[in-house]
Amino acid sequence: MLQAELAGAEIGAGRWMVVIFNNETNSMEEVVDILMVATGCNEEEAKIEMWEAHTFGKAPVHFATKDECDEAALIISSIGIKVEVAREWSD
């Protein structure tokens, strides 16, 4: 039964991601704190993601179902950070 289910499933299908964008409004500490709250990551991971957004202008910060990504994006955006929820892989 499991093999039949896997045969019909696409790898990565249904996976979404939250992307944050750098801004000049929020402090680095604020970004780290909100990422930990919104995604449940630890401080080290949040600092890496914040640094990526700061350095490259944007960074993926969470991968999950669309509903979970929408919820995380809502929390992150509550402090003024621009976010985007998109499919992990384009079709």
PDB file of N, CA and C in Angstrom:
ATOM      1  N   MET A   1       0.820  -1.199   0.000  1.00  0.00           N
ATOM      2  CA  MET A   1       0.000   0.000   0.000  1.00  0.00           C
ATOM      3  C   MET A   1       0.862   1.259   0.000  1.00  0.00           C
ATOM      4  N   LEU A   2       1.869   1.303   0.863  1.00  0.00           N
ATOM      5  CA  LEU A   2       2.740   2.470   0.933  1.00  0.00           C
ATOM      6  C   LEU A   2       3.453   2.693  -0.390  1.00  0.00           C
ATOM      7  N   GLN A   3       3.897   1.619  -1.030  1.00  0.00           N
ATOM      8  CA  GLN A   3       4.587   1.746  -2.298  1.00  0.00           C
ATOM      9  C   GLN A   3       3.669   2.347  -3.362  1.00  0.00           C
ATOM     10  N   ALA A   4       2.401   1.969  -3.363  1.00  0.00           N
ATOM     11  CA  ALA A   4       1.441   2.522  -4.317  1.00  0.00           C
ATOM     12  C   ALA A   4       1.223   4.006  -4.070  1.00  0.00           C
ATOM     13  N   GLU A   5       1.187   4.397  -2.795  1.00  0.00           N
ATOM     14  CA  GLU A   5       1.024   5.814  -2.461  1.00  0.00           C
ATOM     15  C   GLU A   5       2.232   6.612  -2.916  1.00  0.00           C
ATOM     16  N   LEU A   6       3.427   6.072  -2.701  1.00  0.00           N
ATOM     17  CA  LEU A   6       4.648   6.762  -3.089  1.00  0.00           C
ATOM     18  C   LEU A   6       4.784   6.871  -4.600  1.00  0.00           C
ATOM     19  N   ALA A   7       4.300   5.868  -5.325  1.00  0.00           N
ATOM     20  CA  ALA A   7       4.406   5.883  -6.783  1.00  0.00           C
ATOM     21  C   ALA A   7       3.627   7.043  -7.384  1.00  0.00           C
ATOM     22  N   GLY A   8       2.518   7.423  -6.758  1.00  0.00           N
ATOM     23  CA  GLY A   8       1.695   8.512  -7.279  1.00  0.00           C
ATOM     24  C   GLY A   8       2.091   9.872  -6.756  1.00  0.00           C
ATOM     25  N   ALA A   9       2.994   9.921  -5.799  1.00  0.00           N
ATOM     26  CA  ALA A   9       3.383  11.200  -5.192  1.00  0.00           C
ATOM     27  C   ALA A   9       4.617  11.758  -5.887  1.00  0.00           C
ATOM     28  N   GLU A  10       4.637  13.060  -6.046  1.00  0.00           N
ATOM     29  CA  GLU A  10       5.809  13.724  -6.604  1.00  0.00           C
ATOM     30  C   GLU A  10       6.716  14.145  -5.460  1.00  0.00           C
ATOM     31  N   ILE A  11       7.997  13.948  -5.629  1.00  0.00           N
ATOM     32  CA  ILE A  11       8.948  14.364  -4.605  1.00  0.00           C
ATOM     33  C   ILE A  11       8.932  15.882  -4.516  1.00  0.00           C
ATOM     34  N   GLY A  12       8.787  16.403  -3.310  1.00  0.00           N
ATOM     35  CA  GLY A  12       8.759  17.841  -3.109  1.00  0.00           C
ATOM     36  C   GLY A  12       7.400  18.473  -3.364  1.00  0.00           C
ATOM     37  N   ALA A  13       6.427  17.698  -3.832  1.00  0.00           N
ATOM     38  CA  ALA A  13       5.108  18.253  -4.112  1.00  0.00           C
ATOM     39  C   ALA A  13       4.480  18.756  -2.826  1.00  0.00           C
ATOM     40  N   GLY A  14       3.904  19.928  -2.874  1.00  0.00           N
ATOM     41  CA  GLY A  14       3.231  20.470  -1.709  1.00  0.00           C
ATOM     42  C   GLY A  14       4.145  21.214  -0.754  1.00  0.00           C
ATOM     43  N   ARG A  15       5.447  21.228  -1.010  1.00  0.00           N
ATOM     44  CA  ARG A  15       6.362  21.943  -0.114  1.00  0.00           C
ATOM     45  C   ARG A  15       6.396  23.419  -0.491  1.00  0.00           C
ATOM     46  N   TRP A  16       6.323  24.250   0.527  1.00  0.00           N
ATOM     47  CA  TRP A  16       6.341  25.700   0.363  1.00  0.00           C
ATOM     48  C   TRP A  16       7.475  26.272   1.186  1.00  0.00           C
ATOM     49  N   MET A  17       7.793  27.542   0.932  1.00  0.00           N
ATOM     50  CA  MET A  17       8.850  28.193   1.702  1.00  0.00           C
ATOM     51  C   MET A  17       8.463  29.633   2.009  1.00  0.00           C
ATOM     52  N   VAL A  18       9.044  30.132   3.093  1.00  0.00           N
ATOM     53  CA  VAL A  18       8.908  31.534   3.473  1.00  0.00           C
ATOM     54  C   VAL A  18      10.244  32.200   3.168  1.00  0.00           C
ATOM     55  N   VAL A  19      10.182  33.321   2.444  1.00  0.00           N
ATOM     56  CA  VAL A  19      11.372  34.096   2.115  1.00  0.00           C
ATOM     57  C   VAL A  19      11.236  35.452   2.794  1.00  0.00           C
ATOM     58  N   ILE A  20      12.304  35.894   3.469  1.00  0.00           N
ATOM     59  CA  ILE A  20      12.301  37.236   4.053  1.00  0.00           C
ATOM     60  C   ILE A  20      13.199  38.136   3.219  1.00  0.00           C
ATOM     61  N   PHE A  21      12.912  39.438   3.277  1.00  0.00           N
ATOM     62  CA  PHE A  21      13.680  40.427   2.532  1.00  0.00           C
ATOM     63  C   PHE A  21      14.325  41.400   3.501  1.00  0.00           C
ATOM     64  N   ASN A  22      15.524  41.817   3.174  1.00  0.00           N
ATOM     65  CA  ASN A  22      16.250  42.768   4.011  1.00  0.00           C
ATOM     66  C   ASN A  22      15.518  44.104   4.047  1.00  0.00           C
ATOM     67  N   ASN A  23      15.617  44.785   5.175  1.00  0.00           N
ATOM     68  CA  ASN A  23      15.117  46.158   5.274  1.00  0.00           C
ATOM     69  C   ASN A  23      16.028  46.943   6.200  1.00  0.00           C
ATOM     70  N   GLU A  24      15.849  48.228   6.188  1.00  0.00           N
ATOM     71  CA  GLU A  24      16.669  49.099   7.035  1.00  0.00           C
ATOM     72  C   GLU A  24      15.925  49.522   8.298  1.00  0.00           C
ATOM     73  N   THR A  25      14.760  48.924   8.535  1.00  0.00           N
ATOM     74  CA  THR A  25      13.913  49.305   9.659  1.00  0.00           C
ATOM     75  C   THR A  25      14.160  48.447  10.893  1.00  0.00           C
ATOM     76  N   ASN A  26      14.201  47.143  10.717  1.00  0.00           N
ATOM     77  CA  ASN A  26      14.335  46.231  11.847  1.00  0.00           C
ATOM     78  C   ASN A  26      15.796  45.996  12.197  1.00  0.00           C
ATOM     79  N   SER A  27      16.062  45.913  13.501  1.00  0.00           N
ATOM     80  CA  SER A  27      17.420  45.586  13.936  1.00  0.00           C
ATOM     81  C   SER A  27      17.682  44.102  13.681  1.00  0.00           C
ATOM     82  N   MET A  28      18.947  43.745  13.649  1.00  0.00           N
ATOM     83  CA  MET A  28      19.313  42.345  13.463  1.00  0.00           C
ATOM     84  C   MET A  28      18.761  41.484  14.598  1.00  0.00           C
ATOM     85  N   GLU A  29      18.787  42.009  15.795  1.00  0.00           N
ATOM     86  CA  GLU A  29      18.268  41.273  16.953  1.00  0.00           C
ATOM     87  C   GLU A  29      16.768  41.021  16.814  1.00  0.00           C
ATOM     88  N   GLU A  30      16.023  42.019  16.328  1.00  0.00           N
ATOM     89  CA  GLU A  30      14.583  41.836  16.121  1.00  0.00           C
ATOM     90  C   GLU A  30      14.308  40.727  15.111  1.00  0.00           C
ATOM     91  N   VAL A  31      15.089  40.701  14.049  1.00  0.00           N
ATOM     92  CA  VAL A  31      14.898  39.681  13.015  1.00  0.00           C
ATOM     93  C   VAL A  31      15.196  38.296  13.578  1.00  0.00           C
ATOM     94  N   VAL A  32      16.285  38.156  14.285  1.00  0.00           N
ATOM     95  CA  VAL A  32      16.642  36.870  14.892  1.00  0.00           C
ATOM     96  C   VAL A  32      15.537  36.415  15.838  1.00  0.00           C
ATOM     97  N   ASP A  33      15.071  37.302  16.691  1.00  0.00           N
ATOM     98  CA  ASP A  33      14.031  36.945  17.668  1.00  0.00           C
ATOM     99  C   ASP A  33      12.743  36.495  16.991  1.00  0.00           C
ATOM    100  N   ILE A  34      12.292  37.232  15.962  1.00  0.00           N
ATOM    101  CA  ILE A  34      11.017  36.884  15.323  1.00  0.00           C
ATOM    102  C   ILE A  34      11.137  35.595  14.520  1.00  0.00           C
ATOM    103  N   LEU A  35      12.317  35.330  13.947  1.00  0.00           N
ATOM    104  CA  LEU A  35      12.507  34.072  13.221  1.00  0.00           C
ATOM    105  C   LEU A  35      12.406  32.884  14.167  1.00  0.00           C
ATOM    106  N   MET A  36      12.976  33.012  15.368  1.00  0.00           N
ATOM    107  CA  MET A  36      12.889  31.916  16.337  1.00  0.00           C
ATOM    108  C   MET A  36      11.448  31.679  16.757  1.00  0.00           C
ATOM    109  N   VAL A  37      10.696  32.755  16.960  1.00  0.00           N
ATOM    110  CA  VAL A  37       9.290  32.627  17.354  1.00  0.00           C
ATOM    111  C   VAL A  37       8.469  32.009  16.223  1.00  0.00           C
ATOM    112  N   ALA A  38       8.645  32.529  15.012  1.00  0.00           N
ATOM    113  CA  ALA A  38       7.797  32.128  13.882  1.00  0.00           C
ATOM    114  C   ALA A  38       8.099  30.738  13.355  1.00  0.00           C
ATOM    115  N   THR A  39       9.376  30.344  13.374  1.00  0.00           N
ATOM    116  CA  THR A  39       9.738  29.079  12.736  1.00  0.00           C
ATOM    117  C   THR A  39      10.190  27.998  13.706  1.00  0.00           C
ATOM    118  N   GLY A  40      10.460  28.373  14.948  1.00  0.00           N
ATOM    119  CA  GLY A  40      10.913  27.392  15.930  1.00  0.00           C
ATOM    120  C   GLY A  40      12.376  27.020  15.790  1.00  0.00           C
ATOM    121  N   CYS A  41      13.119  27.779  14.995  1.00  0.00           N
ATOM    122  CA  CYS A  41      14.541  27.481  14.828  1.00  0.00           C
ATOM    123  C   CYS A  41      15.330  27.978  16.043  1.00  0.00           C
ATOM    124  N   ASN A  42      16.571  27.528  16.136  1.00  0.00           N
ATOM    125  CA  ASN A  42      17.403  27.992  17.245  1.00  0.00           C
ATOM    126  C   ASN A  42      18.082  29.312  16.872  1.00  0.00           C
ATOM    127  N   GLU A  43      18.770  29.911  17.828  1.00  0.00           N
ATOM    128  CA  GLU A  43      19.386  31.221  17.609  1.00  0.00           C
ATOM    129  C   GLU A  43      20.451  31.186  16.518  1.00  0.00           C
ATOM    130  N   GLU A  44      21.239  30.126  16.479  1.00  0.00           N
ATOM    131  CA  GLU A  44      22.291  30.023  15.469  1.00  0.00           C
ATOM    132  C   GLU A  44      21.701  30.027  14.052  1.00  0.00           C
ATOM    133  N   GLU A  45      20.667  29.225  13.830  1.00  0.00           N
ATOM    134  CA  GLU A  45      20.027  29.180  12.511  1.00  0.00           C
ATOM    135  C   GLU A  45      19.406  30.525  12.163  1.00  0.00           C
ATOM    136  N   ALA A  46      18.741  31.145  13.129  1.00  0.00           N
ATOM    137  CA  ALA A  46      18.117  32.451  12.889  1.00  0.00           C
ATOM    138  C   ALA A  46      19.153  33.500  12.518  1.00  0.00           C
ATOM    139  N   LYS A  47      20.316  33.465  13.161  1.00  0.00           N
ATOM    140  CA  LYS A  47      21.386  34.416  12.838  1.00  0.00           C
ATOM    141  C   LYS A  47      21.911  34.196  11.425  1.00  0.00           C
ATOM    142  N   ILE A  48      22.047  32.948  11.016  1.00  0.00           N
ATOM    143  CA  ILE A  48      22.509  32.643   9.659  1.00  0.00           C
ATOM    144  C   ILE A  48      21.501  33.159   8.636  1.00  0.00           C
ATOM    145  N   GLU A  49      20.217  32.916   8.871  1.00  0.00           N
ATOM    146  CA  GLU A  49      19.178  33.373   7.940  1.00  0.00           C
ATOM    147  C   GLU A  49      19.109  34.895   7.891  1.00  0.00           C
ATOM    148  N   MET A  50      19.239  35.535   9.040  1.00  0.00           N
ATOM    149  CA  MET A  50      19.244  37.002   9.078  1.00  0.00           C
ATOM    150  C   MET A  50      20.425  37.536   8.290  1.00  0.00           C
ATOM    151  N   TRP A  51      21.609  36.925   8.479  1.00  0.00           N
ATOM    152  CA  TRP A  51      22.810  37.358   7.766  1.00  0.00           C
ATOM    153  C   TRP A  51      22.635  37.201   6.253  1.00  0.00           C
ATOM    154  N   GLU A  52      22.031  36.080   5.822  1.00  0.00           N
ATOM    155  CA  GLU A  52      21.794  35.862   4.391  1.00  0.00           C
ATOM    156  C   GLU A  52      20.895  36.949   3.819  1.00  0.00           C
ATOM    157  N   ALA A  53      19.819  37.277   4.531  1.00  0.00           N
ATOM    158  CA  ALA A  53      18.912  38.329   4.055  1.00  0.00           C
ATOM    159  C   ALA A  53      19.624  39.668   4.019  1.00  0.00           C
ATOM    160  N   HIS A  54      20.406  39.947   5.044  1.00  0.00           N
ATOM    161  CA  HIS A  54      21.142  41.214   5.114  1.00  0.00           C
ATOM    162  C   HIS A  54      22.172  41.316   3.991  1.00  0.00           C
ATOM    163  N   THR A  55      22.860  40.222   3.708  1.00  0.00           N
ATOM    164  CA  THR A  55      23.945  40.209   2.728  1.00  0.00           C
ATOM    165  C   THR A  55      23.446  40.101   1.286  1.00  0.00           C
ATOM    166  N   PHE A  56      22.453  39.244   1.055  1.00  0.00           N
ATOM    167  CA  PHE A  56      21.997  38.963  -0.311  1.00  0.00           C
ATOM    168  C   PHE A  56      20.664  39.619  -0.665  1.00  0.00           C
ATOM    169  N   GLY A  57      20.041  40.288   0.313  1.00  0.00           N
ATOM    170  CA  GLY A  57      18.777  40.971   0.053  1.00  0.00           C
ATOM    171  C   GLY A  57      17.546  40.146   0.348  1.00  0.00           C
ATOM    172  N   LYS A  58      17.703  38.826   0.409  1.00  0.00           N
ATOM    173  CA  LYS A  58      16.589  37.949   0.767  1.00  0.00           C
ATOM    174  C   LYS A  58      17.138  36.600   1.185  1.00  0.00           C
ATOM    175  N   ALA A  59      16.297  35.838   1.902  1.00  0.00           N
ATOM    176  CA  ALA A  59      16.737  34.515   2.346  1.00  0.00           C
ATOM    177  C   ALA A  59      15.526  33.633   2.623  1.00  0.00           C
ATOM    178  N   PRO A  60      15.580  32.362   2.216  1.00  0.00           N
ATOM    179  CA  PRO A  60      14.542  31.419   2.625  1.00  0.00           C
ATOM    180  C   PRO A  60      14.748  31.082   4.095  1.00  0.00           C
ATOM    181  N   VAL A  61      13.649  31.094   4.867  1.00  0.00           N
ATOM    182  CA  VAL A  61      13.793  30.879   6.306  1.00  0.00           C
ATOM    183  C   VAL A  61      12.961  29.725   6.855  1.00  0.00           C
ATOM    184  N   HIS A  62      12.047  29.177   6.032  1.00  0.00           N
ATOM    185  CA  HIS A  62      11.197  28.097   6.542  1.00  0.00           C
ATOM    186  C   HIS A  62      10.634  27.314   5.377  1.00  0.00           C
ATOM    187  N   PHE A  63      10.574  25.993   5.513  1.00  0.00           N
ATOM    188  CA  PHE A  63      10.029  25.097   4.500  1.00  0.00           C
ATOM    189  C   PHE A  63       9.000  24.200   5.168  1.00  0.00           C
ATOM    190  N   ALA A  64       7.774  24.187   4.632  1.00  0.00           N
ATOM    191  CA  ALA A  64       6.703  23.396   5.243  1.00  0.00           C
ATOM    192  C   ALA A  64       5.492  23.390   4.313  1.00  0.00           C
ATOM    193  N   THR A  65       4.338  23.051   4.863  1.00  0.00           N
ATOM    194  CA  THR A  65       3.099  23.128   4.095  1.00  0.00           C
ATOM    195  C   THR A  65       2.736  24.596   3.874  1.00  0.00           C
ATOM    196  N   LYS A  66       1.834  24.846   2.958  1.00  0.00           N
ATOM    197  CA  LYS A  66       1.419  26.226   2.689  1.00  0.00           C
ATOM    198  C   LYS A  66       0.813  26.860   3.934  1.00  0.00           C
ATOM    199  N   ASP A  67      -0.050  26.135   4.633  1.00  0.00           N
ATOM    200  CA  ASP A  67      -0.683  26.693   5.833  1.00  0.00           C
ATOM    201  C   ASP A  67       0.351  27.076   6.890  1.00  0.00           C
ATOM    202  N   GLU A  68       1.330  26.205   7.115  1.00  0.00           N
ATOM    203  CA  GLU A  68       2.347  26.495   8.119  1.00  0.00           C
ATOM    204  C   GLU A  68       3.218  27.682   7.683  1.00  0.00           C
ATOM    205  N   CYS A  69       3.533  27.751   6.396  1.00  0.00           N
ATOM    206  CA  CYS A  69       4.319  28.883   5.892  1.00  0.00           C
ATOM    207  C   CYS A  69       3.529  30.191   5.987  1.00  0.00           C
ATOM    208  N   ASP A  70       2.239  30.136   5.672  1.00  0.00           N
ATOM    209  CA  ASP A  70       1.404  31.336   5.806  1.00  0.00           C
ATOM    210  C   ASP A  70       1.393  31.834   7.245  1.00  0.00           C
ATOM    211  N   GLU A  71       1.308  30.902   8.193  1.00  0.00           N
ATOM    212  CA  GLU A  71       1.289  31.273   9.611  1.00  0.00           C
ATOM    213  C   GLU A  71       2.625  31.895  10.031  1.00  0.00           C
ATOM    214  N   ALA A  72       3.728  31.285   9.621  1.00  0.00           N
ATOM    215  CA  ALA A  72       5.050  31.828   9.958  1.00  0.00           C
ATOM    216  C   ALA A  72       5.239  33.200   9.320  1.00  0.00           C
ATOM    217  N   ALA A  73       4.808  33.351   8.069  1.00  0.00           N
ATOM    218  CA  ALA A  73       4.944  34.637   7.364  1.00  0.00           C
ATOM    219  C   ALA A  73       4.143  35.729   8.060  1.00  0.00           C
ATOM    220  N   LEU A  74       2.969  35.391   8.550  1.00  0.00           N
ATOM    221  CA  LEU A  74       2.137  36.366   9.259  1.00  0.00           C
ATOM    222  C   LEU A  74       2.843  36.862  10.520  1.00  0.00           C
ATOM    223  N   ILE A  75       3.461  35.951  11.241  1.00  0.00           N
ATOM    224  CA  ILE A  75       4.186  36.327  12.458  1.00  0.00           C
ATOM    225  C   ILE A  75       5.384  37.210  12.107  1.00  0.00           C
ATOM    226  N   ILE A  76       6.151  36.804  11.117  1.00  0.00           N
ATOM    227  CA  ILE A  76       7.343  37.570  10.725  1.00  0.00           C
ATOM    228  C   ILE A  76       6.961  38.958  10.235  1.00  0.00           C
ATOM    229  N   SER A  77       5.925  39.037   9.421  1.00  0.00           N
ATOM    230  CA  SER A  77       5.516  40.330   8.855  1.00  0.00           C
ATOM    231  C   SER A  77       4.912  41.263   9.902  1.00  0.00           C
ATOM    232  N   SER A  78       4.544  40.720  11.054  1.00  0.00           N
ATOM    233  CA  SER A  78       3.915  41.547  12.095  1.00  0.00           C
ATOM    234  C   SER A  78       4.850  42.629  12.627  1.00  0.00           C
ATOM    235  N   ILE A  79       6.167  42.479  12.397  1.00  0.00           N
ATOM    236  CA  ILE A  79       7.099  43.529  12.841  1.00  0.00           C
ATOM    237  C   ILE A  79       7.621  44.352  11.663  1.00  0.00           C
ATOM    238  N   GLY A  80       6.997  44.196  10.505  1.00  0.00           N
ATOM    239  CA  GLY A  80       7.340  45.030   9.359  1.00  0.00           C
ATOM    240  C   GLY A  80       8.310  44.430   8.360  1.00  0.00           C
ATOM    241  N   ILE A  81       8.663  43.180   8.530  1.00  0.00           N
ATOM    242  CA  ILE A  81       9.557  42.525   7.578  1.00  0.00           C
ATOM    243  C   ILE A  81       8.740  42.062   6.381  1.00  0.00           C
ATOM    244  N   LYS A  82       9.223  42.368   5.174  1.00  0.00           N
ATOM    245  CA  LYS A  82       8.561  41.905   3.958  1.00  0.00           C
ATOM    246  C   LYS A  82       8.835  40.418   3.801  1.00  0.00           C
ATOM    247  N   VAL A  83       7.776  39.662   3.538  1.00  0.00           N
ATOM    248  CA  VAL A  83       7.893  38.215   3.366  1.00  0.00           C
ATOM    249  C   VAL A  83       7.177  37.777   2.103  1.00  0.00           C
ATOM    250  N   GLU A  84       7.542  36.604   1.638  1.00  0.00           N
ATOM    251  CA  GLU A  84       6.877  35.989   0.496  1.00  0.00           C
ATOM    252  C   GLU A  84       6.728  34.509   0.799  1.00  0.00           C
ATOM    253  N   VAL A  85       5.560  33.958   0.496  1.00  0.00           N
ATOM    254  CA  VAL A  85       5.341  32.523   0.594  1.00  0.00           C
ATOM    255  C   VAL A  85       5.250  32.011  -0.838  1.00  0.00           C
ATOM    256  N   ALA A  86       6.107  31.052  -1.172  1.00  0.00           N
ATOM    257  CA  ALA A  86       6.165  30.538  -2.540  1.00  0.00           C
ATOM    258  C   ALA A  86       6.429  29.045  -2.515  1.00  0.00           C
ATOM    259  N   ARG A  87       6.138  28.385  -3.624  1.00  0.00           N
ATOM    260  CA  ARG A  87       6.467  26.966  -3.744  1.00  0.00           C
ATOM    261  C   ARG A  87       7.984  26.793  -3.673  1.00  0.00           C
ATOM    262  N   GLU A  88       8.388  25.718  -3.038  1.00  0.00           N
ATOM    263  CA  GLU A  88       9.826  25.440  -2.945  1.00  0.00           C
ATOM    264  C   GLU A  88      10.414  25.213  -4.344  1.00  0.00           C
ATOM    265  N   TRP A  89       9.701  24.495  -5.170  1.00  0.00           N
ATOM    266  CA  TRP A  89      10.137  24.210  -6.537  1.00  0.00           C
ATOM    267  C   TRP A  89       9.080  24.702  -7.490  1.00  0.00           C
ATOM    268  N   SER A  90       9.478  25.416  -8.524  1.00  0.00           N
ATOM    269  CA  SER A  90       8.500  25.830  -9.519  1.00  0.00           C
ATOM    270  C   SER A  90       8.168  24.663 -10.434  1.00  0.00           C
ATOM    271  N   ASP A  91       6.928  24.591 -10.842  1.00  0.00           N
ATOM    272  CA  ASP A  91       6.492  23.469 -11.706  1.00  0.00           C
ATOM    273  C   ASP A  91       6.844  23.726 -13.143  1.00  0.00           C
TER     274      ASP A  91
END
